[in-house]
Amino acid sequence: MHHLDKLRPLTLLFFRVALGIFFISHGWPRLSGHAGEVSQFFADHALIGSLGYLFGVLEVFGGALLIVGLFTRAIALLLAIRMGYVVWMIVSLKGYLAVREYESTLILCTACLLLASIGAGLLSVDRPLFGNKSGGSRSPKK
């Protein structure tokens, strides 16, 4: 299984890119003219309507930063808080047994927490800027 350790930098890159694409694709509608629909959704779910725009900015720019691996830990933590907020709101409205209502959001929250805790890895802008402090950049043991 040690040979899989060599794939860690590439795996972290794919993980960041996948999360980044997801957040950009879900944040963009909030910024590109569908804000009314999003604000209505937030209002229907007892959320503050202006948070839709703020979340859109965080998702689009945060997703782009995840893709390149810049300020990864901070951005991932902010996105985890954002997703945790949505989980909390759904659970408070529908109850914790309504797992189907928040399961994907919970997984995204967990994925962001994982990325915040391990960092961007070797194949990131964080690595040359911050070195080992960016996390996930230890070379595999041989």
N, C-alpha and C. Protein backbone atom coordinates (compact mmCIF):
# COMPACT_ATOMS: atom_id res chain seq x y z
N MET A 1 0.81 -1.21 0.00
CA MET A 1 0.00 0.00 0.00
C MET A 1 0.85 1.26 0.00
N HIS A 2 2.14 1.12 0.24
CA HIS A 2 3.01 2.29 0.27
C HIS A 2 3.10 2.96 -1.10
N HIS A 3 2.87 2.19 -2.16
CA HIS A 3 2.92 2.80 -3.50
C HIS A 3 1.79 3.81 -3.70
N LEU A 4 0.72 3.67 -2.95
CA LEU A 4 -0.38 4.64 -3.04
C LEU A 4 0.01 5.99 -2.44
N ASP A 5 0.98 5.99 -1.52
CA ASP A 5 1.44 7.25 -0.93
C ASP A 5 2.02 8.18 -1.99
N LYS A 6 2.57 7.60 -3.04
CA LYS A 6 3.15 8.41 -4.11
C LYS A 6 2.08 9.18 -4.89
N LEU A 7 0.86 8.71 -4.81
CA LEU A 7 -0.25 9.37 -5.51
C LEU A 7 -0.87 10.51 -4.71
N ARG A 8 -0.44 10.69 -3.47
CA ARG A 8 -1.05 11.69 -2.59
C ARG A 8 -1.08 13.09 -3.21
N PRO A 9 0.02 13.61 -3.76
CA PRO A 9 -0.05 14.96 -4.33
C PRO A 9 -1.06 15.08 -5.46
N LEU A 10 -1.11 14.09 -6.33
CA LEU A 10 -2.05 14.11 -7.45
C LEU A 10 -3.49 13.95 -6.95
N THR A 11 -3.68 13.10 -5.97
CA THR A 11 -5.01 12.89 -5.40
C THR A 11 -5.53 14.16 -4.74
N LEU A 12 -4.66 14.85 -3.99
CA LEU A 12 -5.08 16.12 -3.38
C LEU A 12 -5.41 17.16 -4.45
N LEU A 13 -4.65 17.17 -5.53
CA LEU A 13 -4.96 18.09 -6.63
C LEU A 13 -6.33 17.79 -7.21
N PHE A 14 -6.62 16.53 -7.52
CA PHE A 14 -7.93 16.16 -8.06
C PHE A 14 -9.05 16.49 -7.07
N PHE A 15 -8.79 16.26 -5.79
CA PHE A 15 -9.78 16.54 -4.75
C PHE A 15 -10.10 18.03 -4.70
N ARG A 16 -9.04 18.86 -4.72
CA ARG A 16 -9.23 20.32 -4.71
C ARG A 16 -9.96 20.79 -5.95
N VAL A 17 -9.58 20.27 -7.10
CA VAL A 17 -10.22 20.68 -8.36
C VAL A 17 -11.69 20.29 -8.37
N ALA A 18 -12.00 19.08 -7.92
CA ALA A 18 -13.40 18.64 -7.89
C ALA A 18 -14.23 19.53 -6.96
N LEU A 19 -13.71 19.81 -5.77
CA LEU A 19 -14.43 20.70 -4.85
C LEU A 19 -14.57 22.10 -5.43
N GLY A 20 -13.50 22.59 -6.02
CA GLY A 20 -13.53 23.92 -6.62
C GLY A 20 -14.56 24.04 -7.72
N ILE A 21 -14.60 23.05 -8.61
CA ILE A 21 -15.59 23.05 -9.69
C ILE A 21 -17.01 23.02 -9.12
N PHE A 22 -17.21 22.19 -8.11
CA PHE A 22 -18.54 22.13 -7.50
C PHE A 22 -18.95 23.49 -6.95
N PHE A 23 -18.07 24.10 -6.16
CA PHE A 23 -18.45 25.36 -5.53
C PHE A 23 -18.63 26.47 -6.56
N ILE A 24 -17.80 26.52 -7.58
CA ILE A 24 -17.96 27.54 -8.63
C ILE A 24 -19.30 27.34 -9.34
N SER A 25 -19.62 26.10 -9.70
CA SER A 25 -20.86 25.85 -10.44
C SER A 25 -22.10 26.12 -9.61
N HIS A 26 -22.01 26.01 -8.29
CA HIS A 26 -23.17 26.31 -7.45
C HIS A 26 -23.19 27.76 -6.99
N GLY A 27 -22.05 28.42 -6.99
CA GLY A 27 -22.01 29.82 -6.59
C GLY A 27 -22.30 30.78 -7.72
N TRP A 28 -21.95 30.38 -8.94
CA TRP A 28 -22.11 31.27 -10.09
C TRP A 28 -23.54 31.73 -10.31
N PRO A 29 -24.55 30.86 -10.22
CA PRO A 29 -25.93 31.35 -10.40
C PRO A 29 -26.32 32.45 -9.41
N ARG A 30 -25.74 32.44 -8.24
CA ARG A 30 -26.04 33.48 -7.25
C ARG A 30 -25.50 34.84 -7.67
N LEU A 31 -24.49 34.82 -8.52
CA LEU A 31 -23.84 36.07 -8.95
C LEU A 31 -24.23 36.49 -10.36
N SER A 32 -24.89 35.61 -11.12
CA SER A 32 -25.10 35.89 -12.54
C SER A 32 -26.56 36.12 -12.92
N GLY A 33 -27.31 36.75 -12.06
CA GLY A 33 -28.66 37.12 -12.46
C GLY A 33 -29.75 36.24 -11.91
N HIS A 34 -29.42 35.15 -11.27
CA HIS A 34 -30.44 34.31 -10.67
C HIS A 34 -30.55 34.57 -9.18
N ALA A 35 -30.07 35.73 -8.76
CA ALA A 35 -30.05 36.08 -7.33
C ALA A 35 -31.45 36.12 -6.76
N GLY A 36 -32.43 36.52 -7.57
CA GLY A 36 -33.81 36.57 -7.08
C GLY A 36 -34.31 35.19 -6.69
N GLU A 37 -34.03 34.20 -7.53
CA GLU A 37 -34.43 32.83 -7.23
C GLU A 37 -33.72 32.33 -5.97
N VAL A 38 -32.44 32.64 -5.87
CA VAL A 38 -31.67 32.20 -4.71
C VAL A 38 -32.17 32.90 -3.46
N SER A 39 -32.43 34.21 -3.54
CA SER A 39 -32.94 34.94 -2.38
C SER A 39 -34.28 34.37 -1.94
N GLN A 40 -35.11 34.01 -2.91
CA GLN A 40 -36.41 33.42 -2.57
C GLN A 40 -36.22 32.07 -1.89
N PHE A 41 -35.28 31.27 -2.39
CA PHE A 41 -34.98 29.99 -1.75
C PHE A 41 -34.56 30.20 -0.30
N PHE A 42 -33.66 31.18 -0.09
CA PHE A 42 -33.18 31.46 1.26
C PHE A 42 -34.34 31.94 2.14
N ALA A 43 -35.20 32.78 1.58
CA ALA A 43 -36.35 33.26 2.35
C ALA A 43 -37.30 32.12 2.70
N ASP A 44 -37.52 31.21 1.75
CA ASP A 44 -38.39 30.05 1.98
C ASP A 44 -37.84 29.15 3.08
N HIS A 45 -36.54 29.14 3.25
CA HIS A 45 -35.90 28.28 4.24
C HIS A 45 -35.43 29.06 5.47
N ALA A 46 -36.05 30.19 5.71
CA ALA A 46 -35.78 31.02 6.89
C ALA A 46 -34.32 31.47 6.97
N LEU A 47 -33.70 31.68 5.82
CA LEU A 47 -32.33 32.16 5.77
C LEU A 47 -32.34 33.62 5.34
N ILE A 48 -31.36 34.35 5.70
CA ILE A 48 -31.27 35.76 5.33
C ILE A 48 -31.00 35.84 3.83
N GLY A 49 -31.85 36.57 3.09
CA GLY A 49 -31.75 36.63 1.64
C GLY A 49 -30.42 37.14 1.12
N SER A 50 -29.83 38.12 1.78
CA SER A 50 -28.56 38.66 1.30
C SER A 50 -27.40 37.68 1.48
N LEU A 51 -27.59 36.66 2.30
CA LEU A 51 -26.54 35.65 2.44
C LEU A 51 -26.32 34.89 1.13
N GLY A 52 -27.35 34.82 0.30
CA GLY A 52 -27.21 34.13 -0.98
C GLY A 52 -26.11 34.74 -1.82
N TYR A 53 -26.08 36.05 -1.89
CA TYR A 53 -25.04 36.74 -2.66
C TYR A 53 -23.68 36.55 -2.00
N LEU A 54 -23.60 36.69 -0.70
CA LEU A 54 -22.35 36.50 0.03
C LEU A 54 -21.83 35.07 -0.15
N PHE A 55 -22.73 34.10 -0.06
CA PHE A 55 -22.33 32.71 -0.27
C PHE A 55 -21.85 32.50 -1.71
N GLY A 56 -22.49 33.18 -2.66
CA GLY A 56 -22.06 33.06 -4.06
C GLY A 56 -20.65 33.56 -4.25
N VAL A 57 -20.33 34.70 -3.65
CA VAL A 57 -18.97 35.24 -3.74
C VAL A 57 -17.98 34.26 -3.12
N LEU A 58 -18.31 33.75 -1.93
CA LEU A 58 -17.43 32.79 -1.27
C LEU A 58 -17.25 31.54 -2.11
N GLU A 59 -18.32 31.03 -2.69
CA GLU A 59 -18.24 29.79 -3.46
C GLU A 59 -17.45 29.97 -4.76
N VAL A 60 -17.70 31.05 -5.48
CA VAL A 60 -17.01 31.26 -6.76
C VAL A 60 -15.52 31.53 -6.54
N PHE A 61 -15.22 32.51 -5.72
CA PHE A 61 -13.81 32.86 -5.52
C PHE A 61 -13.10 31.82 -4.66
N GLY A 62 -13.80 31.28 -3.68
CA GLY A 62 -13.22 30.21 -2.87
C GLY A 62 -12.95 28.97 -3.70
N GLY A 63 -13.88 28.63 -4.58
CA GLY A 63 -13.68 27.48 -5.46
C GLY A 63 -12.48 27.67 -6.37
N ALA A 64 -12.33 28.88 -6.91
CA ALA A 64 -11.17 29.16 -7.77
C ALA A 64 -9.87 29.06 -6.98
N LEU A 65 -9.87 29.55 -5.75
CA LEU A 65 -8.67 29.46 -4.92
C LEU A 65 -8.36 28.01 -4.55
N LEU A 66 -9.39 27.19 -4.34
CA LEU A 66 -9.15 25.77 -4.08
C LEU A 66 -8.49 25.11 -5.27
N ILE A 67 -8.95 25.43 -6.46
CA ILE A 67 -8.41 24.80 -7.66
C ILE A 67 -6.91 25.06 -7.79
N VAL A 68 -6.49 26.30 -7.59
CA VAL A 68 -5.06 26.61 -7.71
C VAL A 68 -4.29 26.29 -6.43
N GLY A 69 -5.02 26.08 -5.34
CA GLY A 69 -4.36 25.75 -4.08
C GLY A 69 -3.75 26.94 -3.39
N LEU A 70 -4.47 28.04 -3.36
CA LEU A 70 -4.00 29.26 -2.70
C LEU A 70 -4.87 29.55 -1.49
N PHE A 71 -4.25 29.73 -0.32
CA PHE A 71 -4.96 29.94 0.95
C PHE A 71 -5.97 28.81 1.20
N THR A 72 -5.56 27.61 0.86
CA THR A 72 -6.45 26.46 0.86
C THR A 72 -7.08 26.19 2.21
N ARG A 73 -6.27 26.19 3.25
CA ARG A 73 -6.81 25.86 4.58
C ARG A 73 -7.87 26.86 5.02
N ALA A 74 -7.61 28.13 4.86
CA ALA A 74 -8.55 29.17 5.28
C ALA A 74 -9.84 29.11 4.45
N ILE A 75 -9.69 28.98 3.14
CA ILE A 75 -10.86 28.92 2.26
C ILE A 75 -11.69 27.68 2.55
N ALA A 76 -11.02 26.54 2.71
CA ALA A 76 -11.74 25.30 3.00
C ALA A 76 -12.48 25.40 4.33
N LEU A 77 -11.88 26.05 5.30
CA LEU A 77 -12.55 26.23 6.58
C LEU A 77 -13.78 27.13 6.44
N LEU A 78 -13.65 28.21 5.69
CA LEU A 78 -14.81 29.10 5.46
C LEU A 78 -15.93 28.35 4.73
N LEU A 79 -15.57 27.55 3.74
CA LEU A 79 -16.57 26.78 3.00
C LEU A 79 -17.20 25.71 3.90
N ALA A 80 -16.42 25.12 4.80
CA ALA A 80 -16.97 24.14 5.74
C ALA A 80 -17.97 24.81 6.68
N ILE A 81 -17.64 26.00 7.14
CA ILE A 81 -18.57 26.74 8.00
C ILE A 81 -19.85 27.06 7.24
N ARG A 82 -19.70 27.47 5.98
CA ARG A 82 -20.85 27.78 5.14
C ARG A 82 -21.75 26.55 4.97
N MET A 83 -21.14 25.40 4.67
CA MET A 83 -21.92 24.19 4.49
C MET A 83 -22.52 23.71 5.82
N GLY A 84 -21.77 23.87 6.88
CA GLY A 84 -22.30 23.52 8.20
C GLY A 84 -23.50 24.36 8.58
N TYR A 85 -23.48 25.62 8.20
CA TYR A 85 -24.61 26.52 8.44
C TYR A 85 -25.86 26.01 7.73
N VAL A 86 -25.69 25.58 6.50
CA VAL A 86 -26.83 25.07 5.73
C VAL A 86 -27.35 23.78 6.36
N VAL A 87 -26.45 22.89 6.76
CA VAL A 87 -26.88 21.66 7.43
C VAL A 87 -27.67 22.00 8.69
N TRP A 88 -27.13 22.91 9.48
CA TRP A 88 -27.80 23.31 10.72
C TRP A 88 -29.20 23.86 10.43
N MET A 89 -29.32 24.70 9.40
CA MET A 89 -30.62 25.28 9.07
C MET A 89 -31.61 24.20 8.64
N ILE A 90 -31.16 23.26 7.83
CA ILE A 90 -32.06 22.19 7.37
C ILE A 90 -32.47 21.31 8.54
N VAL A 91 -31.52 20.95 9.38
CA VAL A 91 -31.82 20.11 10.54
C VAL A 91 -32.78 20.83 11.48
N SER A 92 -32.57 22.13 11.68
CA SER A 92 -33.45 22.87 12.59
C SER A 92 -34.86 22.99 12.04
N LEU A 93 -35.02 22.96 10.72
CA LEU A 93 -36.35 23.06 10.12
C LEU A 93 -37.03 21.71 9.96
N LYS A 94 -36.26 20.70 9.57
CA LYS A 94 -36.87 19.41 9.22
C LYS A 94 -36.51 18.28 10.16
N GLY A 95 -35.57 18.51 11.05
CA GLY A 95 -35.16 17.46 11.98
C GLY A 95 -33.98 16.65 11.45
N TYR A 96 -33.25 16.08 12.38
CA TYR A 96 -32.05 15.35 12.00
C TYR A 96 -32.34 14.06 11.26
N LEU A 97 -33.58 13.55 11.34
CA LEU A 97 -33.93 12.32 10.64
C LEU A 97 -34.17 12.55 9.14
N ALA A 98 -34.23 13.79 8.71
CA ALA A 98 -34.42 14.11 7.29
C ALA A 98 -33.06 14.11 6.59
N VAL A 99 -32.35 13.01 6.72
CA VAL A 99 -30.97 12.91 6.22
C VAL A 99 -30.90 13.18 4.72
N ARG A 100 -31.87 12.74 3.99
CA ARG A 100 -31.85 12.94 2.52
C ARG A 100 -31.85 14.42 2.15
N GLU A 101 -32.32 15.27 3.04
CA GLU A 101 -32.36 16.71 2.78
C GLU A 101 -30.99 17.37 2.92
N TYR A 102 -30.11 16.79 3.70
CA TYR A 102 -28.82 17.44 3.97
C TYR A 102 -27.61 16.53 3.78
N GLU A 103 -27.79 15.33 3.24
CA GLU A 103 -26.68 14.39 3.15
C GLU A 103 -25.53 14.90 2.27
N SER A 104 -25.82 15.45 1.12
CA SER A 104 -24.73 15.93 0.25
C SER A 104 -24.05 17.15 0.87
N THR A 105 -24.82 18.00 1.52
CA THR A 105 -24.25 19.17 2.16
C THR A 105 -23.34 18.76 3.31
N LEU A 106 -23.74 17.74 4.05
CA LEU A 106 -22.92 17.23 5.15
C LEU A 106 -21.61 16.64 4.63
N ILE A 107 -21.68 15.92 3.53
CA ILE A 107 -20.46 15.34 2.94
C ILE A 107 -19.53 16.45 2.46
N LEU A 108 -20.09 17.49 1.83
CA LEU A 108 -19.26 18.61 1.39
C LEU A 108 -18.64 19.34 2.57
N CYS A 109 -19.38 19.49 3.65
CA CYS A 109 -18.85 20.11 4.86
C CYS A 109 -17.67 19.30 5.37
N THR A 110 -17.83 17.99 5.41
CA THR A 110 -16.77 17.10 5.88
C THR A 110 -15.57 17.14 4.95
N ALA A 111 -15.80 17.18 3.64
CA ALA A 111 -14.70 17.26 2.68
C ALA A 111 -13.91 18.55 2.85
N CYS A 112 -14.61 19.64 3.09
CA CYS A 112 -13.93 20.91 3.31
C CYS A 112 -13.13 20.89 4.61
N LEU A 113 -13.69 20.28 5.65
CA LEU A 113 -12.95 20.15 6.91
C LEU A 113 -11.69 19.31 6.72
N LEU A 114 -11.81 18.25 5.93
CA LEU A 114 -10.65 17.41 5.64
C LEU A 114 -9.57 18.22 4.94
N LEU A 115 -9.95 18.97 3.93
CA LEU A 115 -8.98 19.78 3.20
C LEU A 115 -8.40 20.88 4.09
N ALA A 116 -9.19 21.45 4.96
CA ALA A 116 -8.68 22.46 5.89
C ALA A 116 -7.67 21.86 6.85
N SER A 117 -7.86 20.61 7.22
CA SER A 117 -6.95 20.00 8.19
C SER A 117 -5.67 19.47 7.56
N ILE A 118 -5.71 18.99 6.31
CA ILE A 118 -4.49 18.43 5.71
C ILE A 118 -3.78 19.39 4.77
N GLY A 119 -4.45 20.41 4.30
CA GLY A 119 -3.82 21.38 3.43
C GLY A 119 -3.90 21.00 1.96
N ALA A 120 -3.26 21.82 1.14
CA ALA A 120 -3.37 21.71 -0.32
C ALA A 120 -2.48 20.64 -0.92
N GLY A 121 -1.36 20.35 -0.30
CA GLY A 121 -0.45 19.36 -0.85
C GLY A 121 0.66 19.97 -1.68
N LEU A 122 1.46 19.10 -2.29
CA LEU A 122 2.64 19.53 -3.05
C LEU A 122 2.29 20.32 -4.31
N LEU A 123 1.23 19.92 -4.98
CA LEU A 123 0.87 20.54 -6.26
C LEU A 123 -0.11 21.70 -6.02
N SER A 124 0.40 22.76 -5.42
CA SER A 124 -0.44 23.90 -5.08
C SER A 124 0.41 25.17 -5.04
N VAL A 125 -0.25 26.29 -5.08
CA VAL A 125 0.44 27.58 -4.93
C VAL A 125 0.84 27.77 -3.46
N ASP A 126 0.09 27.17 -2.54
CA ASP A 126 0.43 27.25 -1.12
C ASP A 126 1.82 26.70 -0.83
N ARG A 127 2.20 25.64 -1.51
CA ARG A 127 3.47 24.97 -1.23
C ARG A 127 4.68 25.90 -1.37
N PRO A 128 4.88 26.57 -2.52
CA PRO A 128 6.04 27.45 -2.60
C PRO A 128 5.92 28.71 -1.73
N LEU A 129 4.69 29.14 -1.46
CA LEU A 129 4.50 30.34 -0.64
C LEU A 129 4.69 30.07 0.85
N PHE A 130 4.14 28.95 1.31
CA PHE A 130 4.12 28.69 2.74
C PHE A 130 4.91 27.45 3.16
N GLY A 131 5.42 26.70 2.20
CA GLY A 131 6.21 25.51 2.53
C GLY A 131 5.38 24.45 3.22
N ASN A 132 5.98 23.78 4.20
CA ASN A 132 5.31 22.70 4.91
C ASN A 132 4.15 23.17 5.77
N LYS A 133 4.07 24.48 6.04
CA LYS A 133 2.97 25.01 6.84
C LYS A 133 1.63 24.84 6.14
N SER A 134 1.64 24.66 4.80
CA SER A 134 0.39 24.50 4.07
C SER A 134 -0.21 23.12 4.29
N GLY A 135 0.55 22.20 4.82
CA GLY A 135 0.05 20.87 5.15
C GLY A 135 -0.05 19.98 3.94
N GLY A 136 -0.16 18.69 4.19
CA GLY A 136 -0.30 17.71 3.13
C GLY A 136 0.89 17.65 2.21
N SER A 137 2.01 18.18 2.62
CA SER A 137 3.14 18.27 1.71
C SER A 137 4.32 17.40 2.12
N ARG A 138 4.12 16.55 3.09
CA ARG A 138 5.21 15.64 3.48
C ARG A 138 5.43 14.62 2.40
N SER A 139 6.68 14.34 2.13
CA SER A 139 6.96 13.32 1.13
C SER A 139 6.71 11.95 1.73
N PRO A 140 6.22 11.02 0.93
CA PRO A 140 5.91 9.69 1.44
C PRO A 140 7.17 8.96 1.90
N LYS A 141 7.00 8.14 2.93
CA LYS A 141 8.12 7.35 3.42
C LYS A 141 8.41 6.22 2.46
N LYS A 142 9.68 5.90 2.34
CA LYS A 142 10.05 4.80 1.43
C LYS A 142 10.38 3.57 2.21
